[in-house]
Every structure is written in C-alpha cells, then in structure tokens.
Amino acid sequence: MPRITVELTSEDHRALKLLSIVEGKTLGGVLREAIQGHLQHKGAHNLEVTVQQSNG
C-alpha cells in the first residue's frame, strides 16, 4: 500500500486522534475512511485523463 505524508493543524490532529479513540479505530483507519468517502463523493474513481491535441 503506498504511503503519503500530510501536514495538519494541531486542532485537526487532536480531533482525528480523539475520533479514532472514540470509534475504536486507528488514526490511519479514520483517515482512509475519510479519504474513501471524499473520493466517492467526488466520483474520483470514475475520472479519466484525455489528451487534447492542438491543431497548429
């Protein structure tokens, strides 16, 4: 599984840690769930990249 590094505000980090404790999940699990929900909401898994060629 690829890894990424993100910077958070102290407030967001604290909120994520507390949420992970309340939900009985790891911090990574809470983040993966949030990212998956955001990607699904945006339809990101259905995006395609197309190449546009110029005529000149």
N, C-alpha and C. Protein backbone atom coordinates (compact mmCIF):
# COMPACT_ATOMS: atom_id res chain seq x y z
N MET A 1 0.85 -1.17 0.00
CA MET A 1 0.00 0.00 0.00
C MET A 1 0.90 1.24 0.00
N PRO A 2 0.69 2.18 -0.91
CA PRO A 2 1.50 3.40 -0.92
C PRO A 2 1.28 4.22 0.34
N ARG A 3 2.27 5.00 0.70
CA ARG A 3 2.18 5.87 1.87
C ARG A 3 2.29 7.32 1.42
N ILE A 4 1.63 8.21 2.18
CA ILE A 4 1.73 9.64 1.92
C ILE A 4 1.99 10.35 3.25
N THR A 5 2.48 11.57 3.15
CA THR A 5 2.70 12.40 4.32
C THR A 5 1.87 13.66 4.14
N VAL A 6 1.14 14.04 5.18
CA VAL A 6 0.34 15.27 5.13
C VAL A 6 0.63 16.10 6.38
N GLU A 7 0.45 17.40 6.24
CA GLU A 7 0.59 18.30 7.38
C GLU A 7 -0.80 18.71 7.83
N LEU A 8 -1.03 18.65 9.13
CA LEU A 8 -2.32 19.02 9.72
C LEU A 8 -2.12 20.12 10.75
N THR A 9 -3.18 20.87 10.98
CA THR A 9 -3.13 21.80 12.10
C THR A 9 -3.15 20.98 13.39
N SER A 10 -2.72 21.56 14.46
CA SER A 10 -2.75 20.88 15.76
C SER A 10 -4.17 20.51 16.14
N GLU A 11 -5.12 21.39 15.81
CA GLU A 11 -6.52 21.15 16.15
C GLU A 11 -7.07 19.95 15.37
N ASP A 12 -6.75 19.87 14.06
CA ASP A 12 -7.21 18.74 13.26
C ASP A 12 -6.57 17.44 13.71
N HIS A 13 -5.30 17.48 14.05
CA HIS A 13 -4.61 16.29 14.53
C HIS A 13 -5.23 15.78 15.82
N ARG A 14 -5.51 16.70 16.73
CA ARG A 14 -6.14 16.33 18.01
C ARG A 14 -7.53 15.74 17.77
N ALA A 15 -8.30 16.37 16.89
CA ALA A 15 -9.65 15.88 16.59
C ALA A 15 -9.60 14.48 15.98
N LEU A 16 -8.67 14.25 15.07
CA LEU A 16 -8.52 12.92 14.46
C LEU A 16 -8.13 11.87 15.50
N LYS A 17 -7.20 12.22 16.39
CA LYS A 17 -6.79 11.29 17.42
C LYS A 17 -7.96 10.94 18.34
N LEU A 18 -8.72 11.96 18.76
CA LEU A 18 -9.86 11.71 19.63
C LEU A 18 -10.93 10.89 18.92
N LEU A 19 -11.19 11.19 17.65
CA LEU A 19 -12.18 10.43 16.89
C LEU A 19 -11.76 8.97 16.76
N SER A 20 -10.48 8.74 16.53
CA SER A 20 -10.01 7.36 16.40
C SER A 20 -10.20 6.60 17.71
N ILE A 21 -10.01 7.26 18.83
CA ILE A 21 -10.21 6.63 20.14
C ILE A 21 -11.70 6.32 20.35
N VAL A 22 -12.55 7.31 20.08
CA VAL A 22 -14.00 7.15 20.27
C VAL A 22 -14.53 6.03 19.39
N GLU A 23 -14.06 5.95 18.14
CA GLU A 23 -14.56 4.94 17.20
C GLU A 23 -13.82 3.61 17.30
N GLY A 24 -12.79 3.56 18.12
CA GLY A 24 -12.03 2.32 18.28
C GLY A 24 -11.28 1.92 17.02
N LYS A 25 -10.81 2.92 16.28
CA LYS A 25 -10.08 2.68 15.05
C LYS A 25 -8.68 3.28 15.15
N THR A 26 -7.83 2.88 14.24
CA THR A 26 -6.52 3.51 14.18
C THR A 26 -6.67 4.87 13.51
N LEU A 27 -5.69 5.73 13.72
CA LEU A 27 -5.69 7.03 13.06
C LEU A 27 -5.68 6.84 11.55
N GLY A 28 -4.87 5.90 11.07
CA GLY A 28 -4.83 5.61 9.64
C GLY A 28 -6.16 5.11 9.12
N GLY A 29 -6.86 4.32 9.91
CA GLY A 29 -8.17 3.82 9.52
C GLY A 29 -9.19 4.94 9.36
N VAL A 30 -9.16 5.90 10.29
CA VAL A 30 -10.07 7.05 10.20
C VAL A 30 -9.74 7.87 8.96
N LEU A 31 -8.46 8.08 8.70
CA LEU A 31 -8.06 8.85 7.52
C LEU A 31 -8.43 8.14 6.23
N ARG A 32 -8.18 6.83 6.15
CA ARG A 32 -8.55 6.07 4.94
C ARG A 32 -10.05 6.15 4.69
N GLU A 33 -10.84 6.01 5.75
CA GLU A 33 -12.29 6.09 5.62
C GLU A 33 -12.72 7.47 5.12
N ALA A 34 -12.11 8.52 5.66
CA ALA A 34 -12.44 9.89 5.24
C ALA A 34 -12.05 10.12 3.78
N ILE A 35 -10.88 9.65 3.40
CA ILE A 35 -10.42 9.82 2.01
C ILE A 35 -11.31 9.03 1.06
N GLN A 36 -11.65 7.81 1.41
CA GLN A 36 -12.52 7.00 0.56
C GLN A 36 -13.88 7.67 0.38
N GLY A 37 -14.44 8.20 1.46
CA GLY A 37 -15.71 8.89 1.38
C GLY A 37 -15.64 10.12 0.48
N HIS A 38 -14.56 10.87 0.60
CA HIS A 38 -14.38 12.08 -0.22
C HIS A 38 -14.23 11.71 -1.69
N LEU A 39 -13.42 10.71 -1.98
CA LEU A 39 -13.23 10.27 -3.36
C LEU A 39 -14.53 9.76 -3.96
N GLN A 40 -15.30 9.03 -3.18
CA GLN A 40 -16.58 8.53 -3.66
C GLN A 40 -17.54 9.68 -3.92
N HIS A 41 -17.59 10.63 -3.00
CA HIS A 41 -18.47 11.79 -3.13
C HIS A 41 -18.14 12.58 -4.40
N LYS A 42 -16.86 12.71 -4.72
CA LYS A 42 -16.42 13.47 -5.89
C LYS A 42 -16.43 12.64 -7.17
N GLY A 43 -16.68 11.34 -7.05
CA GLY A 43 -16.66 10.49 -8.23
C GLY A 43 -15.26 10.32 -8.80
N ALA A 44 -14.27 10.40 -7.95
CA ALA A 44 -12.87 10.40 -8.41
C ALA A 44 -12.45 9.08 -9.04
N HIS A 45 -13.06 7.99 -8.66
CA HIS A 45 -12.67 6.70 -9.23
C HIS A 45 -13.16 6.54 -10.66
N ASN A 46 -14.04 7.42 -11.09
CA ASN A 46 -14.57 7.36 -12.45
C ASN A 46 -13.93 8.39 -13.38
N LEU A 47 -12.94 9.13 -12.88
CA LEU A 47 -12.30 10.15 -13.70
C LEU A 47 -11.39 9.50 -14.74
N GLU A 48 -11.28 10.16 -15.87
CA GLU A 48 -10.37 9.71 -16.91
C GLU A 48 -9.56 10.90 -17.39
N VAL A 49 -8.35 10.64 -17.82
CA VAL A 49 -7.49 11.67 -18.37
C VAL A 49 -7.49 11.52 -19.87
N THR A 50 -7.73 12.61 -20.55
CA THR A 50 -7.68 12.58 -22.01
C THR A 50 -6.64 13.57 -22.49
N VAL A 51 -6.08 13.29 -23.64
CA VAL A 51 -5.06 14.16 -24.22
C VAL A 51 -5.73 15.00 -25.30
N GLN A 52 -5.55 16.29 -25.21
CA GLN A 52 -6.12 17.19 -26.20
C GLN A 52 -5.00 17.63 -27.11
N GLN A 53 -5.15 17.41 -28.39
CA GLN A 53 -4.13 17.79 -29.36
C GLN A 53 -4.51 19.13 -29.97
N SER A 54 -3.51 19.97 -30.14
CA SER A 54 -3.76 21.26 -30.79
C SER A 54 -3.66 21.10 -32.30
N ASN A 55 -4.36 21.91 -33.00
CA ASN A 55 -4.37 21.85 -34.47
C ASN A 55 -3.44 22.88 -35.07
N GLY A 56 -2.30 23.02 -34.57
CA GLY A 56 -1.46 24.03 -35.18
C GLY A 56 -0.12 23.97 -34.69
